[in-house]
Amino acid sequence: MARHTKRFTEGMLDTREIIRKLELRPGLTIVDAGCGNGYMSMLFSEAVGPEGLVYALDVNAQFIKEIREEITADNIRPMVADILQPTPLADGCADVVYTATVLHSVGREKMPGVADEVRRLLTPGGLFGVVEIAKHATRFGPPQAQRYAPEELRAALPFTPVSLTYVAEHFYLQVFKVWPFAHQI
């Protein structure tokens, strides 16, 4: 069995609140983009049950290898992929796309590409949940200039904000509803 590599946010976030705000329930399909070691993918797997599906995506092949060795659930599909570009997943394959502490590493010029891929993956009216580090001084994380304050994140993504919740002392979850281009408000 692979050694479990702890992810930066593991044990820090209010995972129950994240699952609640993402409205996860049995039968849904979720894309965990930038899944790291997959700890949230495993929790999502429980929330969507055996009739649901979790795509665990990360650019780090080692993380994906470890997830494949660790998972026991049949409803998790780990794969090396990057939300910054088209993934091998089908159009409209997901009810929810989730990413945690990923978008701050995306240059603002690349956010339209992320938005396009998220919109492509989601069913109409699907949810996009983003956990990011608050834009204030912390002993960890990227420089403040690289971070998104909630209002900056909302301005950078062409989606409808649904809720904003702090899920740890220095972390917030912004949930968006995503409509096809013609229905975007």
C-alpha atoms as a PDB file:
ATOM      1  CA  MET A   1       0.000   0.000   0.000  1.00  0.00           C
ATOM      2  CA  ALA A   2       1.227   3.499  -0.844  1.00  0.00           C
ATOM      3  CA  ARG A   3       2.193   5.895   1.888  1.00  0.00           C
ATOM      4  CA  HIS A   4      -0.572   8.482   2.281  1.00  0.00           C
ATOM      5  CA  THR A   5       0.825  11.893   1.361  1.00  0.00           C
ATOM      6  CA  LYS A   6      -0.987  14.467   3.473  1.00  0.00           C
ATOM      7  CA  ARG A   7      -2.401  17.373   1.504  1.00  0.00           C
ATOM      8  CA  PHE A   8      -1.924  20.934   2.699  1.00  0.00           C
ATOM      9  CA  THR A   9      -5.598  21.442   3.654  1.00  0.00           C
ATOM     10  CA  GLU A  10      -6.223  17.952   5.039  1.00  0.00           C
ATOM     11  CA  GLY A  11      -7.588  18.163   8.575  1.00  0.00           C
ATOM     12  CA  MET A  12      -8.030  21.947   8.362  1.00  0.00           C
ATOM     13  CA  LEU A  13     -11.296  22.404   6.468  1.00  0.00           C
ATOM     14  CA  ASP A  14     -14.864  21.887   7.669  1.00  0.00           C
ATOM     15  CA  THR A  15     -15.504  19.076   5.201  1.00  0.00           C
ATOM     16  CA  ARG A  16     -19.084  18.512   6.360  1.00  0.00           C
ATOM     17  CA  GLU A  17     -19.926  22.135   5.583  1.00  0.00           C
ATOM     18  CA  ILE A  18     -18.282  21.830   2.152  1.00  0.00           C
ATOM     19  CA  ILE A  19     -20.367  18.754   1.338  1.00  0.00           C
ATOM     20  CA  ARG A  20     -23.502  20.524   2.580  1.00  0.00           C
ATOM     21  CA  LYS A  21     -22.874  23.693   0.563  1.00  0.00           C
ATOM     22  CA  LEU A  22     -22.137  21.653  -2.575  1.00  0.00           C
ATOM     23  CA  GLU A  23     -25.533  19.983  -2.062  1.00  0.00           C
ATOM     24  CA  LEU A  24     -24.003  16.527  -2.531  1.00  0.00           C
ATOM     25  CA  ARG A  25     -26.403  13.606  -2.356  1.00  0.00           C
ATOM     26  CA  PRO A  26     -26.549  10.031  -3.621  1.00  0.00           C
ATOM     27  CA  GLY A  27     -26.383   9.633  -7.379  1.00  0.00           C
ATOM     28  CA  LEU A  28     -24.547  12.859  -8.225  1.00  0.00           C
ATOM     29  CA  THR A  29     -21.312  13.077 -10.192  1.00  0.00           C
ATOM     30  CA  ILE A  30     -18.538  15.378  -8.955  1.00  0.00           C
ATOM     31  CA  VAL A  31     -15.203  16.387 -10.438  1.00  0.00           C
ATOM     32  CA  ASP A  32     -12.560  17.026  -7.752  1.00  0.00           C
ATOM     33  CA  ALA A  33     -10.123  19.108  -9.825  1.00  0.00           C
ATOM     34  CA  GLY A  34      -6.707  19.381  -8.210  1.00  0.00           C
ATOM     35  CA  CYS A  35      -7.566  16.549  -5.834  1.00  0.00           C
ATOM     36  CA  GLY A  36      -4.069  16.141  -4.407  1.00  0.00           C
ATOM     37  CA  ASN A  37      -4.019  13.002  -2.284  1.00  0.00           C
ATOM     38  CA  GLY A  38      -7.740  12.491  -2.809  1.00  0.00           C
ATOM     39  CA  TYR A  39      -8.915  12.938   0.766  1.00  0.00           C
ATOM     40  CA  MET A  40     -11.884  15.061  -0.374  1.00  0.00           C
ATOM     41  CA  SER A  41     -12.590  12.666  -3.259  1.00  0.00           C
ATOM     42  CA  MET A  42     -12.999   9.884  -0.692  1.00  0.00           C
ATOM     43  CA  LEU A  43     -15.429  11.993   1.351  1.00  0.00           C
ATOM     44  CA  PHE A  44     -17.297  12.958  -1.824  1.00  0.00           C
ATOM     45  CA  SER A  45     -17.493   9.252  -2.714  1.00  0.00           C
ATOM     46  CA  GLU A  46     -19.334   8.562   0.542  1.00  0.00           C
ATOM     47  CA  ALA A  47     -21.676  11.527  -0.016  1.00  0.00           C
ATOM     48  CA  VAL A  48     -22.719  10.515  -3.562  1.00  0.00           C
ATOM     49  CA  GLY A  49     -22.895   6.828  -2.677  1.00  0.00           C
ATOM     50  CA  PRO A  50     -22.427   3.826  -4.946  1.00  0.00           C
ATOM     51  CA  GLU A  51     -24.868   5.247  -7.479  1.00  0.00           C
ATOM     52  CA  GLY A  52     -22.775   8.432  -7.784  1.00  0.00           C
ATOM     53  CA  LEU A  53     -19.349   9.022  -9.286  1.00  0.00           C
ATOM     54  CA  VAL A  54     -16.253  11.023  -8.353  1.00  0.00           C
ATOM     55  CA  TYR A  55     -13.604  11.991 -10.897  1.00  0.00           C
ATOM     56  CA  ALA A  56     -10.383  12.716  -8.969  1.00  0.00           C
ATOM     57  CA  LEU A  57      -8.149  14.870 -11.201  1.00  0.00           C
ATOM     58  CA  ASP A  58      -4.652  16.119 -10.493  1.00  0.00           C
ATOM     59  CA  VAL A  59      -1.641  17.113 -12.580  1.00  0.00           C
ATOM     60  CA  ASN A  60       0.646  15.224 -10.202  1.00  0.00           C
ATOM     61  CA  ALA A  61       0.928  11.633 -11.463  1.00  0.00           C
ATOM     62  CA  GLN A  62       2.341  10.486  -8.116  1.00  0.00           C
ATOM     63  CA  PHE A  63      -0.803  11.658  -6.283  1.00  0.00           C
ATOM     64  CA  ILE A  64      -2.994   9.824  -8.801  1.00  0.00           C
ATOM     65  CA  LYS A  65      -0.900   6.660  -8.427  1.00  0.00           C
ATOM     66  CA  GLU A  66      -1.267   6.822  -4.629  1.00  0.00           C
ATOM     67  CA  ILE A  67      -5.027   7.375  -4.866  1.00  0.00           C
ATOM     68  CA  ARG A  68      -5.372   4.346  -7.139  1.00  0.00           C
ATOM     69  CA  GLU A  69      -3.488   2.255  -4.567  1.00  0.00           C
ATOM     70  CA  GLU A  70      -5.490   3.577  -1.597  1.00  0.00           C
ATOM     71  CA  ILE A  71      -9.083   3.720  -2.810  1.00  0.00           C
ATOM     72  CA  THR A  72     -11.506   1.010  -1.888  1.00  0.00           C
ATOM     73  CA  ALA A  73     -14.623   2.665  -3.325  1.00  0.00           C
ATOM     74  CA  ASP A  74     -15.759   1.625  -6.790  1.00  0.00           C
ATOM     75  CA  ASN A  75     -17.125   5.076  -7.597  1.00  0.00           C
ATOM     76  CA  ILE A  76     -13.823   7.032  -7.704  1.00  0.00           C
ATOM     77  CA  ARG A  77     -12.049   7.492 -11.058  1.00  0.00           C
ATOM     78  CA  PRO A  78      -8.560   8.969 -10.536  1.00  0.00           C
ATOM     79  CA  MET A  79      -6.844  10.484 -13.567  1.00  0.00           C
ATOM     80  CA  VAL A  80      -3.979  12.774 -14.436  1.00  0.00           C
ATOM     81  CA  ALA A  81      -5.637  15.889 -15.830  1.00  0.00           C
ATOM     82  CA  ASP A  82      -5.502  19.666 -15.474  1.00  0.00           C
ATOM     83  CA  ILE A  83      -8.574  21.897 -15.156  1.00  0.00           C
ATOM     84  CA  LEU A  84      -6.556  24.643 -16.898  1.00  0.00           C
ATOM     85  CA  GLN A  85      -7.031  22.851 -20.188  1.00  0.00           C
ATOM     86  CA  PRO A  86      -9.550  20.480 -21.732  1.00  0.00           C
ATOM     87  CA  THR A  87      -9.772  17.254 -19.741  1.00  0.00           C
ATOM     88  CA  PRO A  88     -10.635  13.830 -21.194  1.00  0.00           C
ATOM     89  CA  LEU A  89     -14.042  13.958 -19.491  1.00  0.00           C
ATOM     90  CA  ALA A  90     -17.267  14.174 -21.515  1.00  0.00           C
ATOM     91  CA  ASP A  91     -19.290  17.352 -21.928  1.00  0.00           C
ATOM     92  CA  GLY A  92     -21.916  17.720 -19.202  1.00  0.00           C
ATOM     93  CA  CYS A  93     -20.585  14.768 -17.212  1.00  0.00           C
ATOM     94  CA  ALA A  94     -20.774  16.391 -13.770  1.00  0.00           C
ATOM     95  CA  ASP A  95     -23.318  17.910 -11.421  1.00  0.00           C
ATOM     96  CA  VAL A  96     -20.570  19.574  -9.358  1.00  0.00           C
ATOM     97  CA  VAL A  97     -16.989  20.662 -10.003  1.00  0.00           C
ATOM     98  CA  TYR A  98     -14.865  21.347  -6.918  1.00  0.00           C
ATOM     99  CA  THR A  99     -11.398  22.768  -6.543  1.00  0.00           C
ATOM    100  CA  ALA A 100      -9.473  23.649  -3.396  1.00  0.00           C
ATOM    101  CA  THR A 101      -6.431  25.905  -3.174  1.00  0.00           C
ATOM    102  CA  VAL A 102      -5.844  25.676  -6.918  1.00  0.00           C
ATOM    103  CA  LEU A 103      -7.107  28.883  -8.505  1.00  0.00           C
ATOM    104  CA  HIS A 104      -4.658  31.162  -6.697  1.00  0.00           C
ATOM    105  CA  SER A 105      -1.941  29.476  -8.757  1.00  0.00           C
ATOM    106  CA  VAL A 106      -3.799  30.273 -11.973  1.00  0.00           C
ATOM    107  CA  GLY A 107      -2.816  33.549 -13.549  1.00  0.00           C
ATOM    108  CA  ARG A 108      -5.758  35.858 -14.020  1.00  0.00           C
ATOM    109  CA  GLU A 109      -5.234  35.647 -17.775  1.00  0.00           C
ATOM    110  CA  LYS A 110      -5.958  31.884 -17.617  1.00  0.00           C
ATOM    111  CA  MET A 111      -9.222  32.142 -15.663  1.00  0.00           C
ATOM    112  CA  PRO A 112     -11.395  32.326 -18.829  1.00  0.00           C
ATOM    113  CA  GLY A 113      -9.975  28.931 -19.874  1.00  0.00           C
ATOM    114  CA  VAL A 114     -10.787  27.465 -16.458  1.00  0.00           C
ATOM    115  CA  ALA A 115     -14.301  28.895 -16.707  1.00  0.00           C
ATOM    116  CA  ASP A 116     -14.766  27.368 -20.164  1.00  0.00           C
ATOM    117  CA  GLU A 117     -13.689  23.906 -18.978  1.00  0.00           C
ATOM    118  CA  VAL A 118     -15.861  24.068 -15.849  1.00  0.00           C
ATOM    119  CA  ARG A 119     -18.859  25.136 -17.959  1.00  0.00           C
ATOM    120  CA  ARG A 120     -18.160  22.310 -20.443  1.00  0.00           C
ATOM    121  CA  LEU A 121     -18.013  19.671 -17.700  1.00  0.00           C
ATOM    122  CA  LEU A 122     -21.118  20.730 -15.798  1.00  0.00           C
ATOM    123  CA  THR A 123     -24.720  19.939 -16.514  1.00  0.00           C
ATOM    124  CA  PRO A 124     -26.789  23.147 -16.947  1.00  0.00           C
ATOM    125  CA  GLY A 125     -27.310  24.726 -13.536  1.00  0.00           C
ATOM    126  CA  GLY A 126     -24.500  22.658 -11.993  1.00  0.00           C
ATOM    127  CA  LEU A 127     -22.410  23.937  -9.095  1.00  0.00           C
ATOM    128  CA  PHE A 128     -18.784  25.031  -9.058  1.00  0.00           C
ATOM    129  CA  GLY A 129     -17.278  25.083  -5.561  1.00  0.00           C
ATOM    130  CA  VAL A 130     -13.991  26.883  -4.979  1.00  0.00           C
ATOM    131  CA  VAL A 131     -12.022  26.787  -1.722  1.00  0.00           C
ATOM    132  CA  GLU A 132      -9.330  29.437  -1.545  1.00  0.00           C
ATOM    133  CA  ILE A 133      -7.038  30.985   1.036  1.00  0.00           C
ATOM    134  CA  ALA A 134      -8.320  34.322   2.308  1.00  0.00           C
ATOM    135  CA  LYS A 135      -6.472  37.385   1.103  1.00  0.00           C
ATOM    136  CA  HIS A 136      -4.925  38.427   4.388  1.00  0.00           C
ATOM    137  CA  ALA A 137      -1.641  37.749   6.159  1.00  0.00           C
ATOM    138  CA  THR A 138      -1.065  34.097   7.045  1.00  0.00           C
ATOM    139  CA  ARG A 139       2.038  32.074   7.916  1.00  0.00           C
ATOM    140  CA  PHE A 140       1.425  29.877   4.884  1.00  0.00           C
ATOM    141  CA  GLY A 141       0.253  29.992   1.327  1.00  0.00           C
ATOM    142  CA  PRO A 142       1.104  32.067  -1.689  1.00  0.00           C
ATOM    143  CA  PRO A 143       1.816  35.810  -1.559  1.00  0.00           C
ATOM    144  CA  GLN A 144      -1.309  37.873  -0.863  1.00  0.00           C
ATOM    145  CA  ALA A 145      -1.097  39.498  -4.308  1.00  0.00           C
ATOM    146  CA  GLN A 146      -1.546  36.051  -5.880  1.00  0.00           C
ATOM    147  CA  ARG A 147      -4.659  35.213  -3.834  1.00  0.00           C
ATOM    148  CA  TYR A 148      -8.260  36.005  -4.671  1.00  0.00           C
ATOM    149  CA  ALA A 149     -10.480  37.821  -2.227  1.00  0.00           C
ATOM    150  CA  PRO A 150     -14.051  36.526  -2.592  1.00  0.00           C
ATOM    151  CA  GLU A 151     -15.124  39.598  -4.572  1.00  0.00           C
ATOM    152  CA  GLU A 152     -12.114  39.209  -6.911  1.00  0.00           C
ATOM    153  CA  LEU A 153     -12.952  35.557  -7.481  1.00  0.00           C
ATOM    154  CA  ARG A 154     -16.556  36.468  -8.283  1.00  0.00           C
ATOM    155  CA  ALA A 155     -15.312  39.114 -10.747  1.00  0.00           C
ATOM    156  CA  ALA A 156     -12.881  36.647 -12.383  1.00  0.00           C
ATOM    157  CA  LEU A 157     -15.487  33.946 -13.043  1.00  0.00           C
ATOM    158  CA  PRO A 158     -18.570  34.495 -15.223  1.00  0.00           C
ATOM    159  CA  PHE A 159     -20.859  32.428 -13.001  1.00  0.00           C
ATOM    160  CA  THR A 160     -23.724  33.206 -10.628  1.00  0.00           C
ATOM    161  CA  PRO A 161     -22.554  33.320  -6.974  1.00  0.00           C
ATOM    162  CA  VAL A 162     -24.743  31.177  -4.710  1.00  0.00           C
ATOM    163  CA  SER A 163     -23.027  31.211  -1.325  1.00  0.00           C
ATOM    164  CA  LEU A 164     -19.871  32.245   0.482  1.00  0.00           C
ATOM    165  CA  THR A 165     -18.840  30.371   3.633  1.00  0.00           C
ATOM    166  CA  TYR A 166     -15.657  30.341   5.687  1.00  0.00           C
ATOM    167  CA  VAL A 167     -14.719  26.667   6.064  1.00  0.00           C
ATOM    168  CA  ALA A 168     -11.637  27.239   8.240  1.00  0.00           C
ATOM    169  CA  GLU A 169      -9.912  30.189   9.857  1.00  0.00           C
ATOM    170  CA  HIS A 170      -8.151  31.278   6.663  1.00  0.00           C
ATOM    171  CA  PHE A 171     -10.185  29.477   3.984  1.00  0.00           C
ATOM    172  CA  TYR A 172     -13.448  30.285   2.259  1.00  0.00           C
ATOM    173  CA  LEU A 173     -15.757  28.312  -0.026  1.00  0.00           C
ATOM    174  CA  GLN A 174     -17.414  30.231  -2.850  1.00  0.00           C
ATOM    175  CA  VAL A 175     -20.142  28.279  -4.623  1.00  0.00           C
ATOM    176  CA  PHE A 176     -21.327  29.308  -8.082  1.00  0.00           C
ATOM    177  CA  LYS A 177     -24.214  28.116 -10.234  1.00  0.00           C
ATOM    178  CA  VAL A 178     -23.118  27.588 -13.813  1.00  0.00           C
ATOM    179  CA  TRP A 179     -25.422  28.033 -16.783  1.00  0.00           C
ATOM    180  CA  PRO A 180     -24.677  27.564 -20.473  1.00  0.00           C
ATOM    181  CA  PHE A 181     -23.553  30.787 -22.172  1.00  0.00           C
ATOM    182  CA  ALA A 182     -27.048  31.642 -23.396  1.00  0.00           C
ATOM    183  CA  HIS A 183     -28.503  31.495 -19.865  1.00  0.00           C
ATOM    184  CA  GLN A 184     -25.701  33.248 -17.986  1.00  0.00           C
ATOM    185  CA  ILE A 185     -26.834  36.308 -16.037  1.00  0.00           C
END
